[in-house]
Full PDB file with SEQRES, HELIX, SHEET, SSBOND, CRYST1, ORIGX, SCALE, CONECT and MASTER records, all heavy atoms in Angstrom:
SEQRES   1 A   30  SER ALA TRP VAL THR ARG ARG GLU VAL ALA TYR VAL GLU          
SEQRES   2 A   30  TYR LEU GLU ALA GLU ASN ARG SER LEU ARG SER GLN LEU          
SEQRES   3 A   30  PRO GLY LYS PRO                                              
HELIX    1 AA1 ALA A    2  SER A   24  1                                  23    
CRYST1    1.000    1.000    1.000  90.00  90.00  90.00 P 1           1          
ORIGX1      1.000000  0.000000  0.000000        0.00000                         
ORIGX2      0.000000  1.000000  0.000000        0.00000                         
ORIGX3      0.000000  0.000000  1.000000        0.00000                         
SCALE1      1.000000  0.000000  0.000000        0.00000                         
SCALE2      0.000000  1.000000  0.000000        0.00000                         
SCALE3      0.000000  0.000000  1.000000        0.00000                         
ATOM      1  N   SER A   1     -63.472   7.890 -27.827  1.00  0.00           N  
ATOM      2  CA  SER A   1     -63.474   8.480 -29.164  1.00  0.00           C  
ATOM      3  C   SER A   1     -62.260   8.026 -29.963  1.00  0.00           C  
ATOM      4  O   SER A   1     -62.372   7.691 -31.147  1.00  0.00           O  
ATOM      5  CB  SER A   1     -63.488  10.006 -29.046  1.00  0.00           C  
ATOM      6  OG  SER A   1     -63.359  10.588 -30.313  1.00  0.00           O  
ATOM      7  N   ALA A   2     -61.090   8.002 -29.343  1.00  0.00           N  
ATOM      8  CA  ALA A   2     -59.871   7.563 -30.030  1.00  0.00           C  
ATOM      9  C   ALA A   2     -59.977   6.092 -30.422  1.00  0.00           C  
ATOM     10  O   ALA A   2     -59.565   5.703 -31.521  1.00  0.00           O  
ATOM     11  CB  ALA A   2     -58.654   7.796 -29.147  1.00  0.00           C  
ATOM     12  N   TRP A   3     -60.546   5.267 -29.550  1.00  0.00           N  
ATOM     13  CA  TRP A   3     -60.693   3.839 -29.845  1.00  0.00           C  
ATOM     14  C   TRP A   3     -61.633   3.636 -31.035  1.00  0.00           C  
ATOM     15  O   TRP A   3     -61.341   2.860 -31.939  1.00  0.00           O  
ATOM     16  CB  TRP A   3     -61.218   3.106 -28.616  1.00  0.00           C  
ATOM     17  CG  TRP A   3     -61.460   1.653 -28.862  1.00  0.00           C  
ATOM     18  CD1 TRP A   3     -60.538   0.651 -28.890  1.00  0.00           C  
ATOM     19  CD2 TRP A   3     -62.722   1.027 -29.137  1.00  0.00           C  
ATOM     20  NE1 TRP A   3     -61.141  -0.548 -29.159  1.00  0.00           N  
ATOM     21  CE2 TRP A   3     -62.484  -0.350 -29.315  1.00  0.00           C  
ATOM     22  CE3 TRP A   3     -64.027   1.505 -29.246  1.00  0.00           C  
ATOM     23  CZ2 TRP A   3     -63.498  -1.248 -29.602  1.00  0.00           C  
ATOM     24  CZ3 TRP A   3     -65.033   0.606 -29.533  1.00  0.00           C  
ATOM     25  CH2 TRP A   3     -64.770  -0.748 -29.705  1.00  0.00           C  
ATOM     26  N   VAL A   4     -62.746   4.361 -31.050  1.00  0.00           N  
ATOM     27  CA  VAL A   4     -63.714   4.243 -32.147  1.00  0.00           C  
ATOM     28  C   VAL A   4     -63.070   4.686 -33.455  1.00  0.00           C  
ATOM     29  O   VAL A   4     -63.222   4.029 -34.481  1.00  0.00           O  
ATOM     30  CB  VAL A   4     -64.992   5.057 -31.836  1.00  0.00           C  
ATOM     31  CG1 VAL A   4     -65.878   5.180 -33.064  1.00  0.00           C  
ATOM     32  CG2 VAL A   4     -65.762   4.423 -30.688  1.00  0.00           C  
ATOM     33  N   THR A   5     -62.313   5.777 -33.417  1.00  0.00           N  
ATOM     34  CA  THR A   5     -61.658   6.269 -34.622  1.00  0.00           C  
ATOM     35  C   THR A   5     -60.656   5.247 -35.162  1.00  0.00           C  
ATOM     36  O   THR A   5     -60.625   4.977 -36.358  1.00  0.00           O  
ATOM     37  CB  THR A   5     -60.954   7.608 -34.339  1.00  0.00           C  
ATOM     38  OG1 THR A   5     -61.940   8.546 -33.898  1.00  0.00           O  
ATOM     39  CG2 THR A   5     -60.265   8.146 -35.564  1.00  0.00           C  
ATOM     40  N   ARG A   6     -59.834   4.661 -34.283  1.00  0.00           N  
ATOM     41  CA  ARG A   6     -58.869   3.646 -34.735  1.00  0.00           C  
ATOM     42  C   ARG A   6     -59.597   2.447 -35.335  1.00  0.00           C  
ATOM     43  O   ARG A   6     -59.156   1.870 -36.324  1.00  0.00           O  
ATOM     44  CB  ARG A   6     -57.994   3.193 -33.562  1.00  0.00           C  
ATOM     45  CG  ARG A   6     -56.864   4.135 -33.253  1.00  0.00           C  
ATOM     46  CD  ARG A   6     -55.814   3.500 -32.361  1.00  0.00           C  
ATOM     47  NE  ARG A   6     -56.354   2.919 -31.148  1.00  0.00           N  
ATOM     48  CZ  ARG A   6     -56.526   3.553 -29.998  1.00  0.00           C  
ATOM     49  NH1 ARG A   6     -56.216   4.820 -29.890  1.00  0.00           N  
ATOM     50  NH2 ARG A   6     -57.011   2.930 -28.945  1.00  0.00           N  
ATOM     51  N   ARG A   7     -60.704   2.049 -34.733  1.00  0.00           N  
ATOM     52  CA  ARG A   7     -61.477   0.922 -35.232  1.00  0.00           C  
ATOM     53  C   ARG A   7     -62.053   1.232 -36.617  1.00  0.00           C  
ATOM     54  O   ARG A   7     -62.015   0.392 -37.509  1.00  0.00           O  
ATOM     55  CB  ARG A   7     -62.575   0.569 -34.239  1.00  0.00           C  
ATOM     56  CG  ARG A   7     -63.291  -0.706 -34.529  1.00  0.00           C  
ATOM     57  CD  ARG A   7     -63.834  -1.285 -33.244  1.00  0.00           C  
ATOM     58  NE  ARG A   7     -64.676  -2.420 -33.498  1.00  0.00           N  
ATOM     59  CZ  ARG A   7     -64.226  -3.664 -33.558  1.00  0.00           C  
ATOM     60  NH1 ARG A   7     -62.953  -3.906 -33.382  1.00  0.00           N  
ATOM     61  NH2 ARG A   7     -65.059  -4.663 -33.789  1.00  0.00           N  
ATOM     62  N   GLU A   8     -62.563   2.429 -36.800  1.00  0.00           N  
ATOM     63  CA  GLU A   8     -63.103   2.822 -38.101  1.00  0.00           C  
ATOM     64  C   GLU A   8     -61.998   2.848 -39.158  1.00  0.00           C  
ATOM     65  O   GLU A   8     -62.208   2.412 -40.290  1.00  0.00           O  
ATOM     66  CB  GLU A   8     -63.772   4.187 -38.010  1.00  0.00           C  
ATOM     67  CG  GLU A   8     -65.089   4.157 -37.262  1.00  0.00           C  
ATOM     68  CD  GLU A   8     -65.680   5.531 -37.041  1.00  0.00           C  
ATOM     69  OE1 GLU A   8     -64.962   6.547 -37.212  1.00  0.00           O  
ATOM     70  OE2 GLU A   8     -66.857   5.595 -36.678  1.00  0.00           O  
ATOM     71  N   VAL A   9     -60.833   3.334 -38.810  1.00  0.00           N  
ATOM     72  CA  VAL A   9     -59.701   3.349 -39.735  1.00  0.00           C  
ATOM     73  C   VAL A   9     -59.337   1.919 -40.121  1.00  0.00           C  
ATOM     74  O   VAL A   9     -59.078   1.626 -41.295  1.00  0.00           O  
ATOM     75  CB  VAL A   9     -58.493   4.098 -39.129  1.00  0.00           C  
ATOM     76  CG1 VAL A   9     -57.228   3.855 -39.929  1.00  0.00           C  
ATOM     77  CG2 VAL A   9     -58.793   5.586 -39.029  1.00  0.00           C  
ATOM     78  N   ALA A  10     -59.336   1.022 -39.151  1.00  0.00           N  
ATOM     79  CA  ALA A  10     -59.022  -0.384 -39.433  1.00  0.00           C  
ATOM     80  C   ALA A  10     -60.052  -0.988 -40.390  1.00  0.00           C  
ATOM     81  O   ALA A  10     -59.689  -1.740 -41.303  1.00  0.00           O  
ATOM     82  CB  ALA A  10     -58.952  -1.187 -38.132  1.00  0.00           C  
ATOM     83  N   TYR A  11     -61.333  -0.666 -40.189  1.00  0.00           N  
ATOM     84  CA  TYR A  11     -62.372  -1.155 -41.105  1.00  0.00           C  
ATOM     85  C   TYR A  11     -62.116  -0.653 -42.524  1.00  0.00           C  
ATOM     86  O   TYR A  11     -62.165  -1.425 -43.489  1.00  0.00           O  
ATOM     87  CB  TYR A  11     -63.763  -0.676 -40.676  1.00  0.00           C  
ATOM     88  CG  TYR A  11     -64.398  -1.445 -39.553  1.00  0.00           C  
ATOM     89  CD1 TYR A  11     -65.033  -0.777 -38.511  1.00  0.00           C  
ATOM     90  CD2 TYR A  11     -64.404  -2.835 -39.527  1.00  0.00           C  
ATOM     91  CE1 TYR A  11     -65.628  -1.466 -37.470  1.00  0.00           C  
ATOM     92  CE2 TYR A  11     -65.009  -3.533 -38.495  1.00  0.00           C  
ATOM     93  CZ  TYR A  11     -65.618  -2.841 -37.478  1.00  0.00           C  
ATOM     94  OH  TYR A  11     -66.208  -3.524 -36.457  1.00  0.00           O  
ATOM     95  N   VAL A  12     -61.866   0.632 -42.654  1.00  0.00           N  
ATOM     96  CA  VAL A  12     -61.655   1.219 -43.976  1.00  0.00           C  
ATOM     97  C   VAL A  12     -60.425   0.615 -44.643  1.00  0.00           C  
ATOM     98  O   VAL A  12     -60.449   0.282 -45.828  1.00  0.00           O  
ATOM     99  CB  VAL A  12     -61.548   2.755 -43.883  1.00  0.00           C  
ATOM    100  CG1 VAL A  12     -61.084   3.357 -45.198  1.00  0.00           C  
ATOM    101  CG2 VAL A  12     -62.890   3.354 -43.463  1.00  0.00           C  
ATOM    102  N   GLU A  13     -59.338   0.456 -43.886  1.00  0.00           N  
ATOM    103  CA  GLU A  13     -58.125  -0.133 -44.461  1.00  0.00           C  
ATOM    104  C   GLU A  13     -58.370  -1.558 -44.929  1.00  0.00           C  
ATOM    105  O   GLU A  13     -57.883  -1.964 -45.994  1.00  0.00           O  
ATOM    106  CB  GLU A  13     -56.986  -0.081 -43.452  1.00  0.00           C  
ATOM    107  CG  GLU A  13     -56.450   1.315 -43.233  1.00  0.00           C  
ATOM    108  CD  GLU A  13     -55.416   1.392 -42.130  1.00  0.00           C  
ATOM    109  OE1 GLU A  13     -55.242   0.400 -41.378  1.00  0.00           O  
ATOM    110  OE2 GLU A  13     -54.775   2.451 -42.016  1.00  0.00           O  
ATOM    111  N   TYR A  14     -59.141  -2.312 -44.158  1.00  0.00           N  
ATOM    112  CA  TYR A  14     -59.462  -3.683 -44.586  1.00  0.00           C  
ATOM    113  C   TYR A  14     -60.285  -3.658 -45.872  1.00  0.00           C  
ATOM    114  O   TYR A  14     -59.985  -4.386 -46.821  1.00  0.00           O  
ATOM    115  CB  TYR A  14     -60.237  -4.442 -43.498  1.00  0.00           C  
ATOM    116  CG  TYR A  14     -60.799  -5.731 -44.052  1.00  0.00           C  
ATOM    117  CD1 TYR A  14     -59.987  -6.839 -44.216  1.00  0.00           C  
ATOM    118  CD2 TYR A  14     -62.110  -5.801 -44.499  1.00  0.00           C  
ATOM    119  CE1 TYR A  14     -60.478  -8.001 -44.777  1.00  0.00           C  
ATOM    120  CE2 TYR A  14     -62.605  -6.962 -45.067  1.00  0.00           C  
ATOM    121  CZ  TYR A  14     -61.793  -8.059 -45.201  1.00  0.00           C  
ATOM    122  OH  TYR A  14     -62.284  -9.195 -45.771  1.00  0.00           O  
ATOM    123  N   LEU A  15     -61.314  -2.831 -45.911  1.00  0.00           N  
ATOM    124  CA  LEU A  15     -62.173  -2.786 -47.087  1.00  0.00           C  
ATOM    125  C   LEU A  15     -61.419  -2.306 -48.323  1.00  0.00           C  
ATOM    126  O   LEU A  15     -61.669  -2.791 -49.432  1.00  0.00           O  
ATOM    127  CB  LEU A  15     -63.396  -1.901 -46.812  1.00  0.00           C  
ATOM    128  CG  LEU A  15     -64.377  -2.477 -45.797  1.00  0.00           C  
ATOM    129  CD1 LEU A  15     -65.445  -1.450 -45.441  1.00  0.00           C  
ATOM    130  CD2 LEU A  15     -65.005  -3.767 -46.300  1.00  0.00           C  
ATOM    131  N   GLU A  16     -60.485  -1.383 -48.147  1.00  0.00           N  
ATOM    132  CA  GLU A  16     -59.670  -0.944 -49.276  1.00  0.00           C  
ATOM    133  C   GLU A  16     -58.790  -2.083 -49.788  1.00  0.00           C  
ATOM    134  O   GLU A  16     -58.658  -2.280 -50.999  1.00  0.00           O  
ATOM    135  CB  GLU A  16     -58.807   0.253 -48.888  1.00  0.00           C  
ATOM    136  CG  GLU A  16     -59.587   1.544 -48.772  1.00  0.00           C  
ATOM    137  CD  GLU A  16     -58.736   2.716 -48.333  1.00  0.00           C  
ATOM    138  OE1 GLU A  16     -57.671   2.497 -47.701  1.00  0.00           O  
ATOM    139  OE2 GLU A  16     -59.130   3.855 -48.615  1.00  0.00           O  
ATOM    140  N   ALA A  17     -58.192  -2.836 -48.879  1.00  0.00           N  
ATOM    141  CA  ALA A  17     -57.356  -3.973 -49.281  1.00  0.00           C  
ATOM    142  C   ALA A  17     -58.202  -5.037 -49.984  1.00  0.00           C  
ATOM    143  O   ALA A  17     -57.780  -5.609 -51.003  1.00  0.00           O  
ATOM    144  CB  ALA A  17     -56.647  -4.568 -48.064  1.00  0.00           C  
ATOM    145  N   GLU A  18     -59.367  -5.302 -49.461  1.00  0.00           N  
ATOM    146  CA  GLU A  18     -60.261  -6.272 -50.086  1.00  0.00           C  
ATOM    147  C   GLU A  18     -60.678  -5.789 -51.471  1.00  0.00           C  
ATOM    148  O   GLU A  18     -60.687  -6.565 -52.435  1.00  0.00           O  
ATOM    149  CB  GLU A  18     -61.489  -6.468 -49.193  1.00  0.00           C  
ATOM    150  CG  GLU A  18     -62.458  -7.513 -49.707  1.00  0.00           C  
ATOM    151  CD  GLU A  18     -63.634  -7.677 -48.771  1.00  0.00           C  
ATOM    152  OE1 GLU A  18     -64.359  -6.681 -48.539  1.00  0.00           O  
ATOM    153  OE2 GLU A  18     -63.826  -8.790 -48.276  1.00  0.00           O  
ATOM    154  N   ASN A  19     -60.976  -4.515 -51.575  1.00  0.00           N  
ATOM    155  CA  ASN A  19     -61.372  -3.926 -52.846  1.00  0.00           C  
ATOM    156  C   ASN A  19     -60.255  -4.064 -53.877  1.00  0.00           C  
ATOM    157  O   ASN A  19     -60.492  -4.445 -55.028  1.00  0.00           O  
ATOM    158  CB  ASN A  19     -61.725  -2.450 -52.624  1.00  0.00           C  
ATOM    159  CG  ASN A  19     -62.435  -1.831 -53.792  1.00  0.00           C  
ATOM    160  OD1 ASN A  19     -62.755  -2.485 -54.768  1.00  0.00           O  
ATOM    161  ND2 ASN A  19     -62.670  -0.545 -53.700  1.00  0.00           N  
ATOM    162  N   ARG A  20     -59.014  -3.763 -53.481  1.00  0.00           N  
ATOM    163  CA  ARG A  20     -57.872  -3.911 -54.396  1.00  0.00           C  
ATOM    164  C   ARG A  20     -57.733  -5.363 -54.857  1.00  0.00           C  
ATOM    165  O   ARG A  20     -57.496  -5.635 -56.034  1.00  0.00           O  
ATOM    166  CB  ARG A  20     -56.580  -3.467 -53.716  1.00  0.00           C  
ATOM    167  CG  ARG A  20     -56.327  -1.983 -53.743  1.00  0.00           C  
ATOM    168  CD  ARG A  20     -54.916  -1.634 -53.314  1.00  0.00           C  
ATOM    169  NE  ARG A  20     -54.561  -2.141 -51.984  1.00  0.00           N  
ATOM    170  CZ  ARG A  20     -54.847  -1.526 -50.839  1.00  0.00           C  
ATOM    171  NH1 ARG A  20     -55.494  -0.386 -50.846  1.00  0.00           N  
ATOM    172  NH2 ARG A  20     -54.477  -2.047 -49.688  1.00  0.00           N  
ATOM    173  N   SER A  21     -57.888  -6.299 -53.923  1.00  0.00           N  
ATOM    174  CA  SER A  21     -57.760  -7.722 -54.270  1.00  0.00           C  
ATOM    175  C   SER A  21     -58.832  -8.151 -55.252  1.00  0.00           C  
ATOM    176  O   SER A  21     -58.545  -8.846 -56.238  1.00  0.00           O  
ATOM    177  CB  SER A  21     -57.858  -8.582 -53.007  1.00  0.00           C  
ATOM    178  OG  SER A  21     -56.812  -8.302 -52.134  1.00  0.00           O  
ATOM    179  N   LEU A  22     -60.058  -7.749 -55.005  1.00  0.00           N  
ATOM    180  CA  LEU A  22     -61.155  -8.128 -55.903  1.00  0.00           C  
ATOM    181  C   LEU A  22     -61.011  -7.457 -57.265  1.00  0.00           C  
ATOM    182  O   LEU A  22     -61.253  -8.074 -58.294  1.00  0.00           O  
ATOM    183  CB  LEU A  22     -62.496  -7.771 -55.266  1.00  0.00           C  
ATOM    184  CG  LEU A  22     -62.869  -8.591 -54.031  1.00  0.00           C  
ATOM    185  CD1 LEU A  22     -64.118  -8.029 -53.361  1.00  0.00           C  
ATOM    186  CD2 LEU A  22     -63.049 -10.048 -54.382  1.00  0.00           C  
ATOM    187  N   ARG A  23     -60.605  -6.199 -57.267  1.00  0.00           N  
ATOM    188  CA  ARG A  23     -60.434  -5.469 -58.523  1.00  0.00           C  
ATOM    189  C   ARG A  23     -59.347  -6.112 -59.376  1.00  0.00           C  
ATOM    190  O   ARG A  23     -59.456  -6.168 -60.605  1.00  0.00           O  
ATOM    191  CB  ARG A  23     -60.095  -4.013 -58.233  1.00  0.00           C  
ATOM    192  CG  ARG A  23     -60.213  -3.138 -59.442  1.00  0.00           C  
ATOM    193  CD  ARG A  23     -60.045  -1.684 -59.143  1.00  0.00           C  
ATOM    194  NE  ARG A  23     -59.970  -1.448 -57.721  1.00  0.00           N  
ATOM    195  CZ  ARG A  23     -59.263  -0.496 -57.157  1.00  0.00           C  
ATOM    196  NH1 ARG A  23     -58.578   0.319 -57.887  1.00  0.00           N  
ATOM    197  NH2 ARG A  23     -59.246  -0.347 -55.851  1.00  0.00           N  
ATOM    198  N   SER A  24     -58.295  -6.628 -58.745  1.00  0.00           N  
ATOM    199  CA  SER A  24     -57.206  -7.248 -59.505  1.00  0.00           C  
ATOM    200  C   SER A  24     -57.666  -8.530 -60.197  1.00  0.00           C  
ATOM    201  O   SER A  24     -57.029  -8.981 -61.147  1.00  0.00           O  
ATOM    202  CB  SER A  24     -56.021  -7.543 -58.591  1.00  0.00           C  
ATOM    203  OG  SER A  24     -56.318  -8.616 -57.713  1.00  0.00           O  
ATOM    204  N   GLN A  25     -58.758  -9.109 -59.743  1.00  0.00           N  
ATOM    205  CA  GLN A  25     -59.275 -10.332 -60.345  1.00  0.00           C  
ATOM    206  C   GLN A  25     -60.221 -10.068 -61.514  1.00  0.00           C  
ATOM    207  O   GLN A  25     -60.583 -10.989 -62.232  1.00  0.00           O  
ATOM    208  CB  GLN A  25     -60.006 -11.165 -59.289  1.00  0.00           C  
ATOM    209  CG  GLN A  25     -59.101 -11.636 -58.173  1.00  0.00           C  
ATOM    210  CD  GLN A  25     -59.879 -12.360 -57.094  1.00  0.00           C  
ATOM    211  OE1 GLN A  25     -60.866 -13.025 -57.369  1.00  0.00           O  
ATOM    212  NE2 GLN A  25     -59.416 -12.234 -55.860  1.00  0.00           N  
ATOM    213  N   LEU A  26     -60.611  -8.809 -61.692  1.00  0.00           N  
ATOM    214  CA  LEU A  26     -61.536  -8.475 -62.770  1.00  0.00           C  
ATOM    215  C   LEU A  26     -60.788  -8.436 -64.102  1.00  0.00           C  
ATOM    216  O   LEU A  26     -59.735  -7.803 -64.198  1.00  0.00           O  
ATOM    217  CB  LEU A  26     -62.195  -7.116 -62.520  1.00  0.00           C  
ATOM    218  CG  LEU A  26     -63.104  -7.018 -61.302  1.00  0.00           C  
ATOM    219  CD1 LEU A  26     -63.556  -5.577 -61.105  1.00  0.00           C  
ATOM    220  CD2 LEU A  26     -64.294  -7.927 -61.458  1.00  0.00           C  
ATOM    221  N   PRO A  27     -61.330  -9.097 -65.131  1.00  0.00           N  
ATOM    222  CA  PRO A  27     -60.639  -9.106 -66.418  1.00  0.00           C  
ATOM    223  C   PRO A  27     -60.729  -7.769 -67.158  1.00  0.00           C  
ATOM    224  O   PRO A  27     -59.879  -7.433 -67.944  1.00  0.00           O  
ATOM    225  CB  PRO A  27     -61.353 -10.203 -67.196  1.00  0.00           C  
ATOM    226  CG  PRO A  27     -62.704 -10.282 -66.583  1.00  0.00           C  
ATOM    227  CD  PRO A  27     -62.533  -9.903 -65.139  1.00  0.00           C  
ATOM    228  N   GLY A  28     -61.771  -7.005 -66.926  1.00  0.00           N  
ATOM    229  CA  GLY A  28     -61.960  -5.730 -67.633  1.00  0.00           C  
ATOM    230  C   GLY A  28     -62.711  -4.763 -66.752  1.00  0.00           C  
ATOM    231  O   GLY A  28     -62.651  -4.835 -65.526  1.00  0.00           O  
ATOM    232  N   LYS A  29     -63.433  -3.883 -67.399  1.00  0.00           N  
ATOM    233  CA  LYS A  29     -64.208  -2.916 -66.638  1.00  0.00           C  
ATOM    234  C   LYS A  29     -65.386  -3.622 -65.973  1.00  0.00           C  
ATOM    235  O   LYS A  29     -66.052  -4.452 -66.599  1.00  0.00           O  
ATOM    236  CB  LYS A  29     -64.735  -1.826 -67.569  1.00  0.00           C  
ATOM    237  CG  LYS A  29     -63.662  -0.873 -68.042  1.00  0.00           C  
ATOM    238  CD  LYS A  29     -64.140   0.111 -69.087  1.00  0.00           C  
ATOM    239  CE  LYS A  29     -65.394   0.821 -68.667  1.00  0.00           C  
ATOM    240  NZ  LYS A  29     -65.788   1.886 -69.594  1.00  0.00           N  
ATOM    241  N   PRO A  30     -65.685  -3.295 -64.710  1.00  0.00           N  
ATOM    242  CA  PRO A  30     -66.827  -3.925 -64.054  1.00  0.00           C  
ATOM    243  C   PRO A  30     -68.140  -3.431 -64.659  1.00  0.00           C  
ATOM    244  O   PRO A  30     -68.232  -2.295 -65.123  1.00  0.00           O  
ATOM    245  CB  PRO A  30     -66.689  -3.493 -62.595  1.00  0.00           C  
ATOM    246  CG  PRO A  30     -65.854  -2.264 -62.625  1.00  0.00           C  
ATOM    247  CD  PRO A  30     -64.976  -2.380 -63.830  1.00  0.00           C  
TER     248      PRO A  30                                                      
MASTER        0    0    0    1    0    0    0    6  247    1    0    3          
END                                                                             
């Protein structure tokens, strides 16, 4: 259970970082 939770947290952190990177490339409102 602890391993699965850490893995899920890692997925979410990656997706949040990717989201921030993509959002910074947007010229205006999506």
